C-alpha atoms as a PDB file:
ATOM      1  CA  UNK A   1       5.751 101.722  89.830  1.00  0.00           C
ATOM      2  CA  UNK A   2       7.314  99.886  86.951  1.00  0.00           C
ATOM      3  CA  UNK A   3       5.827 102.277  84.393  1.00  0.00           C
ATOM      4  CA  UNK A   4       7.761 105.159  85.927  1.00  0.00           C
ATOM      5  CA  UNK A   5      11.197 103.687  85.187  1.00  0.00           C
ATOM      6  CA  UNK A   6      12.969 106.033  82.782  1.00  0.00           C
ATOM      7  CA  UNK A   7      16.499 104.613  82.592  1.00  0.00           C
ATOM      8  CA  UNK A   8      17.506 101.735  80.307  1.00  0.00           C
ATOM      9  CA  UNK A   9      17.035  98.327  81.905  1.00  0.00           C
ATOM     10  CA  UNK A  10      18.711  95.041  81.040  1.00  0.00           C
ATOM     11  CA  UNK A  11      16.911  91.845  82.023  1.00  0.00           C
ATOM     12  CA  UNK A  12      18.705  88.507  81.870  1.00  0.00           C
ATOM     13  CA  UNK A  13      16.724  85.329  81.227  1.00  0.00           C
ATOM     14  CA  UNK A  14      18.498  81.981  81.668  1.00  0.00           C
ATOM     15  CA  UNK A  15      17.140  78.580  80.723  1.00  0.00           C
ATOM     16  CA  UNK A  16      16.175  76.528  83.796  1.00  0.00           C
ATOM     17  CA  UNK A  17      15.687  79.510  86.131  1.00  0.00           C
ATOM     18  CA  UNK A  18      15.025  77.646  89.365  1.00  0.00           C
ATOM     19  CA  UNK A  19      13.897  80.487  91.646  1.00  0.00           C
ATOM     20  CA  UNK A  20      11.698  82.718  89.452  1.00  0.00           C
ATOM     21  CA  UNK A  21      10.900  80.853  86.215  1.00  0.00           C
ATOM     22  CA  UNK A  22       9.177  83.055  83.670  1.00  0.00           C
ATOM     23  CA  UNK A  23       9.541  86.262  85.662  1.00  0.00           C
ATOM     24  CA  UNK A  24      12.312  87.721  83.504  1.00  0.00           C
ATOM     25  CA  UNK A  25       9.995  87.739  80.491  1.00  0.00           C
ATOM     26  CA  UNK A  26       7.110  89.111  82.564  1.00  0.00           C
ATOM     27  CA  UNK A  27       9.270  91.965  83.864  1.00  0.00           C
ATOM     28  CA  UNK A  28      10.551  92.736  80.377  1.00  0.00           C
ATOM     29  CA  UNK A  29       7.018  92.948  78.990  1.00  0.00           C
ATOM     30  CA  UNK A  30       5.932  95.398  81.696  1.00  0.00           C
ATOM     31  CA  UNK A  31       8.890  97.752  81.353  1.00  0.00           C
ATOM     32  CA  UNK A  32       8.483 100.896  79.250  1.00  0.00           C
ATOM     33  CA  UNK A  33      10.809 101.615  76.324  1.00  0.00           C
ATOM     34  CA  UNK A  34      14.567 101.475  76.753  1.00  0.00           C
ATOM     35  CA  UNK A  35      14.714  97.831  77.721  1.00  0.00           C
ATOM     36  CA  UNK A  36      16.637  94.773  76.607  1.00  0.00           C
ATOM     37  CA  UNK A  37      16.217  91.061  77.298  1.00  0.00           C
ATOM     38  CA  UNK A  38      19.229  88.789  77.015  1.00  0.00           C
ATOM     39  CA  UNK A  39      18.650  85.048  76.920  1.00  0.00           C
ATOM     40  CA  UNK A  40      21.174  82.529  78.214  1.00  0.00           C
ATOM     41  CA  UNK A  41      20.819  78.933  77.121  1.00  0.00           C
ATOM     42  CA  UNK A  42      21.800  75.493  78.308  1.00  0.00           C
ATOM     43  CA  UNK A  43      23.494  74.900  74.930  1.00  0.00           C
ATOM     44  CA  UNK A  44      25.823  77.830  75.693  1.00  0.00           C
ATOM     45  CA  UNK A  45      26.550  76.454  79.153  1.00  0.00           C
ATOM     46  CA  UNK A  46      25.004  79.589  80.621  1.00  0.00           C
ATOM     47  CA  UNK A  47      21.732  78.359  82.082  1.00  0.00           C
ATOM     48  CA  UNK A  48      20.354  78.423  85.649  1.00  0.00           C
ATOM     49  CA  UNK A  49      19.934  81.314  88.076  1.00  0.00           C
ATOM     50  CA  UNK A  50      22.648  83.955  87.521  1.00  0.00           C
ATOM     51  CA  UNK A  51      24.290  81.804  84.831  1.00  0.00           C
ATOM     52  CA  UNK A  52      26.891  80.315  87.244  1.00  0.00           C
ATOM     53  CA  UNK A  53      28.733  78.244  84.626  1.00  0.00           C
ATOM     54  CA  UNK A  54      28.628  81.022  82.025  1.00  0.00           C
ATOM     55  CA  UNK A  55      30.538  83.845  83.710  1.00  0.00           C
ATOM     56  CA  UNK A  56      32.457  84.746  80.563  1.00  0.00           C
ATOM     57  CA  UNK A  57      29.498  84.938  78.210  1.00  0.00           C
ATOM     58  CA  UNK A  58      27.369  86.699  80.840  1.00  0.00           C
ATOM     59  CA  UNK A  59      30.002  89.352  81.395  1.00  0.00           C
ATOM     60  CA  UNK A  60      30.535  89.819  77.671  1.00  0.00           C
ATOM     61  CA  UNK A  61      26.834  90.337  76.959  1.00  0.00           C
ATOM     62  CA  UNK A  62      26.235  92.640  79.909  1.00  0.00           C
ATOM     63  CA  UNK A  63      29.283  94.786  79.114  1.00  0.00           C
ATOM     64  CA  UNK A  64      28.327  94.895  75.426  1.00  0.00           C
ATOM     65  CA  UNK A  65      24.915  96.216  76.469  1.00  0.00           C
ATOM     66  CA  UNK A  66      26.521  98.766  78.794  1.00  0.00           C
ATOM     67  CA  UNK A  67      28.803  99.928  75.950  1.00  0.00           C
ATOM     68  CA  UNK A  68      25.670 100.743  73.959  1.00  0.00           C
ATOM     69  CA  UNK A  69      24.115 102.672  76.870  1.00  0.00           C
ATOM     70  CA  UNK A  70      27.060 104.733  78.142  1.00  0.00           C
ATOM     71  CA  UNK A  71      28.472 107.335  75.767  1.00  0.00           C
ATOM     72  CA  UNK A  72      32.204 107.154  75.108  1.00  0.00           C
END
């Protein structure tokens, strides 16, 4: 069950999600503590499912989040 998740979870949420619109936010709201939601926008060139045109910004944000989660 979603309430039993104990590790940190990162959820990405792009504008114009064509397969599961709105589900990123719904998942985020149901997760217990230790969660993060990262938005990707059309203005950044990082919209659509898996942010295909925004590889650089997606990687940067995900790795920044991982840096915060994994001790040095």
